[in-house]
Amino acid sequence: MHRFFHRALVLASSTILLSACASFPHDAPITGLRLIGEQRIALRQAFEGTTVGGLSGIDYDAANKSWVMESDDRSEINPARFYRAVLNYDSKAFAGVTLNSVHFFTQPDGSRYPNLAHAKLDQGDQVADIETIRVDPQDGSLWYGSEGNRKVGLHPFVRHADSGGRYLATLPTPAMFNVSKDEVGSRNNMTFEALSFASDGKSLWLGMEAALYQDGPLATPDNGSIVRITRLDRAGKVLGQYAYPVEPVASRPGPGREADNGVSEILAVNDHQLLVVERAGVANADGVYTNHVRIYEMETQGATDVQALPALAGASYVPARKRLLLDLEKIGLARVDNIEGISWGPRLENGRRSLVLISDDNFNPLQVTQILAFEVL
């Protein structure tokens, strides 16, 4: 969950064209993106006994022609959950969003995830902070990632669930990502933020939001940072791990205020390229936050496999190359909110692919749940 607050603004739709040479599997190279439109879900909208918000992950379920959208509510408002919805758009307009159902994730014992106040940590309870979700292309089951909680010793995790959210398995992940009482491993609230199936559907990519302690400092307005993006098979074997360079924060905060930049989601393009969403938040002197959101193409070919390096700080390696594909601040939007989800969508009636972004409003009245639909040219 991103902790930055924002001033309410009005969003104007626009058309954009971006130059690119990435390719979606079995498709011609992408030459541009055209914004079809935007829809919002109302603040704290009530749905089937739950409060909608915190939507930090989205994916398209092609078999059911519906979308899954998970909430990063740590079971504080309602138990950890995801929604199934229909996004009604075509190449001409984005007409609306319809929520169809809500489903609760379960722990291995079949119980719903508790919040921290009610968790029995000594008995194995987890407090889920779910930041990313993907539909399994093989059978329609779900995979999701949680950031854990360093303050109480809860490690981040990736779990496999059936299509209704019931627990199936936990994916083994490298021990380097565990939390620690010392300044090694994952930072609090900066761990498993991003997940994507590889283009062949046989393996998964897992992205960290920010650098491990031993890999170097966080991004600042003066300096970038490094995060690890890892490819694992379905049994948890590491197939490759690459150092992705995060940009410096795009603007400076007000005196004594915060600013950061990190990876909020990834999306496989082909066997060696990913789309990476970098999302920054910068507080002004009044404590009001502005988001800077950019989408980069990450190229793993030619990069060092760093899985055997316990620390990247001071190590010799070749990071992944990257290329800017889209800067959301430069496409005519009146507002860019806290974008945390990205997904390929269905083909449009003209045969082209679609792409969807979603923002996490943190249940905050100064933010919005913003859904953007694009035509892939």
Protein backbone atom coordinates (compact mmCIF):
# COMPACT_ATOMS: atom_id res chain seq x y z
CA MET A 1 0.00 0.00 0.00
CA HIS A 2 1.42 3.36 -0.96
CA ARG A 3 1.32 5.78 1.92
CA PHE A 4 1.15 9.03 0.00
CA PHE A 5 -1.88 11.31 -0.03
CA HIS A 6 -2.94 13.46 -2.94
CA ARG A 7 -5.04 16.52 -3.75
CA ALA A 8 -8.29 15.83 -5.61
CA LEU A 9 -8.23 16.86 -9.24
CA VAL A 10 -10.38 16.31 -12.32
CA LEU A 11 -9.09 13.91 -14.98
CA ALA A 12 -9.42 14.79 -18.65
CA SER A 13 -9.21 12.07 -21.28
CA SER A 14 -6.64 12.34 -24.04
CA THR A 15 -5.01 10.51 -26.87
CA ILE A 16 -1.33 9.62 -26.72
CA LEU A 17 1.19 8.09 -29.00
CA LEU A 18 4.43 6.63 -27.76
CA SER A 19 7.29 5.17 -29.71
CA ALA A 20 8.29 1.66 -28.68
CA CYS A 21 9.70 -1.54 -30.04
CA ALA A 22 8.61 -4.03 -27.39
CA SER A 23 6.46 -6.89 -28.59
CA PHE A 24 3.67 -8.82 -26.99
CA PRO A 25 3.88 -12.57 -27.62
CA HIS A 26 2.63 -13.46 -31.11
CA ASP A 27 1.99 -9.79 -31.90
CA ALA A 28 3.76 -7.19 -34.02
CA PRO A 29 5.97 -4.68 -32.17
CA ILE A 30 4.13 -2.04 -30.18
CA THR A 31 4.32 1.33 -31.92
CA GLY A 32 2.02 3.30 -29.64
CA LEU A 33 -0.69 3.41 -27.01
CA ARG A 34 -3.94 5.30 -27.42
CA LEU A 35 -5.87 6.19 -24.29
CA ILE A 36 -9.42 4.91 -24.73
CA GLY A 37 -10.76 6.37 -21.53
CA GLU A 38 -10.92 6.36 -17.75
CA GLN A 39 -13.38 5.16 -15.13
CA ARG A 40 -13.39 5.46 -11.37
CA ILE A 41 -14.80 3.47 -8.50
CA ALA A 42 -16.29 5.70 -5.83
CA LEU A 43 -14.46 6.18 -2.54
CA ARG A 44 -15.30 3.40 -0.07
CA GLN A 45 -18.02 2.05 -2.32
CA ALA A 46 -20.05 -0.62 -0.54
CA PHE A 47 -20.31 -3.99 -2.27
CA GLU A 48 -21.73 -7.23 -0.85
CA GLY A 49 -20.88 -6.28 2.72
CA THR A 50 -17.38 -5.00 1.94
CA THR A 51 -15.75 -1.64 1.34
CA VAL A 52 -14.08 -1.33 -2.04
CA GLY A 53 -10.66 0.32 -2.14
CA GLY A 54 -6.94 -0.24 -2.01
CA LEU A 55 -7.00 -1.91 -5.42
CA SER A 56 -3.30 -2.53 -5.94
CA GLY A 57 -3.38 -5.41 -8.45
CA ILE A 58 -5.39 -6.30 -11.54
CA ASP A 59 -5.38 -9.09 -14.11
CA TYR A 60 -7.60 -10.29 -16.93
CA ASP A 61 -9.22 -13.74 -16.71
CA ALA A 62 -9.59 -14.57 -20.38
CA ALA A 63 -11.52 -17.80 -19.82
CA ASN A 64 -14.28 -15.96 -17.94
CA LYS A 65 -13.94 -12.63 -19.77
CA SER A 66 -13.68 -10.86 -16.45
CA TRP A 67 -11.12 -9.04 -14.35
CA VAL A 68 -9.73 -9.80 -10.90
CA MET A 69 -8.79 -6.83 -8.70
CA GLU A 70 -7.27 -7.40 -5.26
CA SER A 71 -7.40 -5.06 -2.29
CA ASP A 72 -4.34 -4.47 -0.13
CA ASP A 73 -6.56 -3.96 2.91
CA ARG A 74 -4.65 -5.83 5.64
CA SER A 75 -7.96 -7.25 6.87
CA GLU A 76 -8.48 -4.03 8.83
CA ILE A 77 -11.72 -2.98 7.09
CA ASN A 78 -12.72 -6.39 5.72
CA PRO A 79 -10.76 -9.65 5.40
CA ALA A 80 -8.15 -9.86 2.63
CA ARG A 81 -10.08 -10.16 -0.62
CA PHE A 82 -10.38 -9.68 -4.34
CA TYR A 83 -13.20 -8.62 -6.63
CA ARG A 84 -14.31 -9.92 -9.99
CA ALA A 85 -15.51 -7.26 -12.38
CA VAL A 86 -16.35 -6.44 -15.98
CA LEU A 87 -14.65 -3.48 -17.63
CA ASN A 88 -16.88 -2.28 -20.43
CA TYR A 89 -14.64 -0.76 -23.08
CA ASP A 90 -14.00 -1.04 -26.78
CA SER A 91 -11.77 0.91 -29.14
CA LYS A 92 -14.10 3.91 -29.00
CA ALA A 93 -14.94 4.39 -25.33
CA PHE A 94 -14.56 3.13 -21.77
CA ALA A 95 -18.19 2.99 -20.72
CA GLY A 96 -18.13 1.59 -17.20
CA VAL A 97 -17.02 -0.83 -14.49
CA THR A 98 -19.35 -3.44 -13.00
CA LEU A 99 -18.39 -5.36 -9.87
CA ASN A 100 -19.79 -8.90 -9.99
CA SER A 101 -18.51 -10.68 -6.87
CA VAL A 102 -16.14 -10.53 -3.92
CA HIS A 103 -13.98 -13.43 -2.72
CA PHE A 104 -11.85 -13.83 0.40
CA PHE A 105 -8.37 -15.30 0.45
CA THR A 106 -7.79 -18.09 2.93
CA GLN A 107 -4.83 -19.38 4.92
CA PRO A 108 -3.66 -23.02 4.77
CA ASP A 109 -6.10 -24.00 7.54
CA GLY A 110 -9.04 -22.59 5.58
CA SER A 111 -9.51 -19.50 7.75
CA ARG A 112 -9.57 -15.98 6.39
CA TYR A 113 -6.54 -13.77 6.98
CA PRO A 114 -6.78 -11.85 10.27
CA ASN A 115 -5.66 -8.29 10.91
CA LEU A 116 -2.64 -7.69 13.10
CA ALA A 117 -4.72 -7.05 16.21
CA HIS A 118 -6.31 -10.50 16.00
CA ALA A 119 -3.51 -12.55 14.46
CA LYS A 120 -2.07 -15.46 16.42
CA LEU A 121 1.44 -15.05 15.13
CA ASP A 122 2.81 -17.76 17.44
CA GLN A 123 0.40 -20.24 15.83
CA GLY A 124 1.39 -19.44 12.25
CA ASP A 125 -1.14 -16.77 11.31
CA GLN A 126 -0.11 -14.42 8.53
CA VAL A 127 -1.30 -10.84 8.14
CA ALA A 128 -1.68 -10.48 4.40
CA ASP A 129 -0.65 -7.24 2.70
CA ILE A 130 -1.53 -8.32 -0.82
CA GLU A 131 -0.05 -6.07 -3.50
CA THR A 132 -0.22 -8.12 -6.70
CA ILE A 133 -2.38 -10.82 -8.29
CA ARG A 134 -2.21 -12.90 -11.48
CA VAL A 135 -4.53 -15.39 -13.17
CA ASP A 136 -2.82 -18.67 -14.02
CA PRO A 137 -3.00 -19.06 -17.82
CA GLN A 138 -3.06 -22.84 -17.47
CA ASP A 139 -6.11 -23.34 -15.26
CA GLY A 140 -7.51 -19.99 -14.11
CA SER A 141 -6.25 -20.32 -10.54
CA LEU A 142 -4.69 -17.31 -8.80
CA TRP A 143 -1.22 -16.37 -7.61
CA TYR A 144 -0.71 -13.41 -5.28
CA GLY A 145 2.08 -11.69 -3.38
CA SER A 146 2.11 -10.21 0.11
CA GLU A 147 4.64 -7.74 1.52
CA GLY A 148 4.69 -9.23 5.01
CA ASN A 149 5.52 -7.05 8.00
CA ARG A 150 9.10 -6.53 9.07
CA LYS A 151 8.09 -4.86 12.32
CA VAL A 152 6.57 -8.10 13.64
CA GLY A 153 8.80 -10.55 11.79
CA LEU A 154 6.40 -11.62 9.04
CA HIS A 155 8.19 -12.54 5.81
CA PRO A 156 6.81 -11.60 2.40
CA PHE A 157 5.25 -14.48 0.48
CA VAL A 158 3.76 -15.63 -2.81
CA ARG A 159 0.81 -18.00 -2.61
CA HIS A 160 -1.27 -20.02 -5.03
CA ALA A 161 -5.07 -20.13 -4.61
CA ASP A 162 -7.96 -21.58 -6.53
CA SER A 163 -10.21 -19.28 -8.56
CA GLY A 164 -12.22 -18.46 -5.42
CA GLY A 165 -9.21 -17.53 -3.30
CA ARG A 166 -8.87 -20.78 -1.33
CA TYR A 167 -5.30 -21.65 -0.41
CA LEU A 168 -3.47 -24.23 -2.52
CA ALA A 169 0.25 -23.74 -1.88
CA THR A 170 3.03 -21.33 -0.96
CA LEU A 171 5.73 -20.70 -3.53
CA PRO A 172 9.25 -21.03 -2.06
CA THR A 173 11.10 -17.75 -2.51
CA PRO A 174 14.78 -16.88 -1.95
CA ALA A 175 15.78 -16.43 1.70
CA MET A 176 17.46 -13.13 0.80
CA PHE A 177 13.98 -11.58 0.65
CA ASN A 178 13.09 -12.49 4.23
CA VAL A 179 12.88 -9.85 6.92
CA SER A 180 15.41 -9.61 9.73
CA LYS A 181 15.96 -7.76 12.99
CA ASP A 182 19.22 -6.51 11.48
CA GLU A 183 19.59 -4.27 8.44
CA VAL A 184 19.71 -7.09 5.93
CA GLY A 185 16.97 -8.47 3.72
CA SER A 186 13.73 -6.69 2.90
CA ARG A 187 12.73 -3.25 4.07
CA ASN A 188 9.32 -2.86 5.67
CA ASN A 189 6.46 -2.31 3.18
CA MET A 190 8.91 -2.47 0.25
CA THR A 191 9.00 -6.13 -0.70
CA PHE A 192 6.87 -8.26 -3.07
CA GLU A 193 5.00 -5.59 -4.99
CA ALA A 194 5.05 -7.08 -8.49
CA LEU A 195 4.24 -10.42 -10.11
CA SER A 196 3.76 -11.60 -13.69
CA PHE A 197 3.55 -14.89 -15.49
CA ALA A 198 6.26 -15.31 -18.09
CA SER A 199 5.03 -15.22 -21.66
CA ASP A 200 5.15 -19.04 -21.88
CA GLY A 201 2.97 -19.39 -18.76
CA LYS A 202 5.41 -21.89 -17.22
CA SER A 203 7.25 -19.58 -14.84
CA LEU A 204 6.72 -16.35 -12.92
CA TRP A 205 8.52 -13.06 -12.55
CA LEU A 206 8.65 -11.57 -9.04
CA GLY A 207 9.55 -7.93 -8.46
CA MET A 208 10.69 -6.10 -5.34
CA GLU A 209 9.39 -2.60 -4.70
CA ALA A 210 12.70 -1.33 -3.33
CA ALA A 211 16.29 -2.34 -2.68
CA LEU A 212 17.29 -4.89 -0.08
CA TYR A 213 19.32 -3.31 2.71
CA GLN A 214 22.49 -4.99 1.47
CA ASP A 215 21.90 -3.88 -2.12
CA GLY A 216 22.12 -0.17 -1.42
CA PRO A 217 20.09 2.89 -0.39
CA LEU A 218 16.63 3.89 -1.55
CA ALA A 219 16.06 6.29 -4.43
CA THR A 220 16.32 10.01 -3.73
CA PRO A 221 15.93 13.09 -5.96
CA ASP A 222 19.69 12.92 -6.52
CA ASN A 223 20.29 9.20 -6.94
CA GLY A 224 18.51 6.12 -8.24
CA SER A 225 18.42 2.69 -6.64
CA ILE A 226 18.52 -1.01 -7.52
CA VAL A 227 15.84 -3.66 -7.12
CA ARG A 228 15.98 -7.38 -7.86
CA ILE A 229 13.54 -8.90 -10.33
CA THR A 230 13.54 -12.69 -10.21
CA ARG A 231 12.24 -15.44 -12.48
CA LEU A 232 11.09 -18.63 -10.72
CA ASP A 233 9.57 -21.86 -11.92
CA ARG A 234 6.35 -23.13 -10.40
CA ALA A 235 8.28 -25.06 -7.74
CA GLY A 236 10.23 -21.98 -6.65
CA LYS A 237 13.53 -22.72 -8.40
CA VAL A 238 15.26 -19.50 -9.39
CA LEU A 239 15.73 -19.43 -13.16
CA GLY A 240 17.35 -16.01 -13.21
CA GLN A 241 17.59 -12.79 -11.24
CA TYR A 242 18.43 -9.34 -12.56
CA ALA A 243 19.28 -5.95 -11.11
CA TYR A 244 16.83 -3.34 -12.31
CA PRO A 245 17.91 0.32 -11.98
CA VAL A 246 15.20 2.55 -10.49
CA GLU A 247 15.23 6.21 -11.49
CA PRO A 248 15.89 9.05 -9.02
CA VAL A 249 12.73 10.61 -7.59
CA ALA A 250 11.39 13.00 -10.23
CA SER A 251 10.93 16.03 -7.95
CA ARG A 252 12.00 17.30 -4.55
CA PRO A 253 9.82 17.18 -1.44
CA GLY A 254 9.04 20.13 0.77
CA PRO A 255 11.30 20.80 3.76
CA GLY A 256 11.21 17.84 6.13
CA ARG A 257 8.81 15.90 3.88
CA GLU A 258 9.12 12.46 2.26
CA ALA A 259 9.72 11.28 -1.29
CA ASP A 260 10.40 7.88 -2.79
CA ASN A 261 10.39 5.92 -6.04
CA GLY A 262 10.02 2.18 -6.53
CA VAL A 263 8.58 -0.62 -8.65
CA SER A 264 4.81 -1.00 -8.24
CA GLU A 265 4.15 -3.73 -10.85
CA ILE A 266 5.69 -5.71 -13.71
CA LEU A 267 4.21 -7.35 -16.81
CA ALA A 268 5.91 -9.82 -19.12
CA VAL A 269 6.15 -8.79 -22.77
CA ASN A 270 8.07 -11.77 -24.13
CA ASP A 271 10.71 -14.21 -22.90
CA HIS A 272 13.29 -11.53 -22.13
CA GLN A 273 11.43 -8.21 -21.77
CA LEU A 274 9.13 -6.85 -19.07
CA LEU A 275 7.12 -3.71 -18.60
CA VAL A 276 8.03 -2.12 -15.26
CA VAL A 277 5.86 0.47 -13.55
CA GLU A 278 7.87 2.95 -11.48
CA ARG A 279 5.69 4.91 -9.09
CA ALA A 280 7.01 7.81 -7.02
CA GLY A 281 5.32 9.92 -4.37
CA VAL A 282 6.58 13.35 -3.34
CA ALA A 283 5.16 15.46 -0.50
CA ASN A 284 5.03 19.24 -0.82
CA ALA A 285 5.44 21.65 2.08
CA ASP A 286 1.79 21.09 3.10
CA GLY A 287 2.21 17.31 3.13
CA VAL A 288 0.15 16.81 -0.04
CA TYR A 289 1.62 14.17 -2.34
CA THR A 290 2.12 14.13 -6.08
CA ASN A 291 2.65 10.90 -8.01
CA HIS A 292 5.14 10.46 -10.82
CA VAL A 293 4.36 7.28 -12.78
CA ARG A 294 6.42 5.93 -15.65
CA ILE A 295 6.39 2.66 -17.57
CA TYR A 296 9.72 1.28 -18.74
CA GLU A 297 10.69 -1.63 -20.95
CA MET A 298 13.20 -3.83 -19.10
CA GLU A 299 15.60 -5.91 -21.22
CA THR A 300 17.18 -8.88 -19.45
CA GLN A 301 19.32 -10.08 -22.35
CA GLY A 302 22.93 -9.16 -21.67
CA ALA A 303 22.32 -8.51 -17.95
CA THR A 304 24.14 -10.38 -15.19
CA ASP A 305 22.27 -13.11 -13.35
CA VAL A 306 22.79 -11.83 -9.80
CA GLN A 307 21.10 -14.59 -7.82
CA ALA A 308 24.46 -15.73 -6.37
CA LEU A 309 25.43 -12.22 -5.22
CA PRO A 310 24.43 -11.80 -1.55
CA ALA A 311 24.84 -8.01 -1.85
CA LEU A 312 24.77 -5.76 -4.88
CA ALA A 313 26.35 -2.78 -3.13
CA GLY A 314 29.99 -2.79 -4.18
CA ALA A 315 29.58 -5.83 -6.45
CA SER A 316 30.48 -6.00 -10.14
CA TYR A 317 27.55 -6.78 -12.43
CA VAL A 318 25.72 -5.59 -15.53
CA PRO A 319 22.22 -4.31 -14.71
CA ALA A 320 19.24 -4.82 -16.98
CA ARG A 321 18.80 -2.21 -19.67
CA LYS A 322 15.68 -0.08 -19.63
CA ARG A 323 13.87 2.26 -21.97
CA LEU A 324 11.10 4.72 -21.20
CA LEU A 325 7.85 3.81 -22.89
CA LEU A 326 5.32 6.03 -21.16
CA ASP A 327 5.38 8.98 -18.76
CA LEU A 328 1.84 9.42 -17.48
CA GLU A 329 2.53 13.06 -16.63
CA LYS A 330 3.15 13.87 -20.29
CA ILE A 331 0.05 12.46 -21.97
CA GLY A 332 -2.46 15.16 -21.09
CA LEU A 333 -3.96 13.70 -17.92
CA ALA A 334 -5.14 16.27 -15.40
CA ARG A 335 -4.40 13.78 -12.62
CA VAL A 336 -2.03 10.87 -12.18
CA ASP A 337 -2.90 8.85 -9.11
CA ASN A 338 -1.17 5.99 -7.31
CA ILE A 339 -0.88 3.48 -10.19
CA GLU A 340 -0.10 0.02 -8.79
CA GLY A 341 -1.60 -2.43 -11.31
CA ILE A 342 -1.05 -3.19 -14.99
CA SER A 343 -2.50 -5.95 -17.15
CA TRP A 344 -2.93 -6.96 -20.75
CA GLY A 345 -6.59 -6.98 -21.68
CA PRO A 346 -8.65 -8.69 -24.39
CA ARG A 347 -8.39 -7.90 -28.05
CA LEU A 348 -10.52 -5.04 -29.21
CA GLU A 349 -13.02 -5.38 -32.05
CA ASN A 350 -10.37 -4.03 -34.45
CA GLY A 351 -8.02 -6.89 -33.57
CA ARG A 352 -5.61 -4.88 -31.47
CA ARG A 353 -4.67 -5.68 -27.86
CA SER A 354 -5.66 -3.55 -24.90
CA LEU A 355 -3.78 -2.58 -21.74
CA VAL A 356 -5.26 -1.50 -18.39
CA LEU A 357 -3.82 0.41 -15.42
CA ILE A 358 -5.38 0.77 -11.96
CA SER A 359 -4.60 2.97 -8.96
CA ASP A 360 -4.69 2.18 -5.24
CA ASP A 361 -6.62 4.91 -3.39
CA ASN A 362 -5.53 3.72 0.08
CA PHE A 363 -9.18 4.29 1.18
CA ASN A 364 -8.12 7.95 1.30
CA PRO A 365 -10.57 10.75 0.42
CA LEU A 366 -7.73 12.73 -1.21
CA GLN A 367 -7.16 9.95 -3.75
CA VAL A 368 -9.20 8.09 -6.35
CA THR A 369 -9.48 4.58 -7.74
CA GLN A 370 -8.54 5.36 -11.33
CA ILE A 371 -8.78 2.76 -14.14
CA LEU A 372 -7.24 3.62 -17.51
CA ALA A 373 -7.80 1.59 -20.68
CA PHE A 374 -5.44 1.81 -23.66
CA GLU A 375 -5.43 0.49 -27.19
CA VAL A 376 -2.12 -1.11 -28.10
CA LEU A 377 -1.14 0.14 -31.58
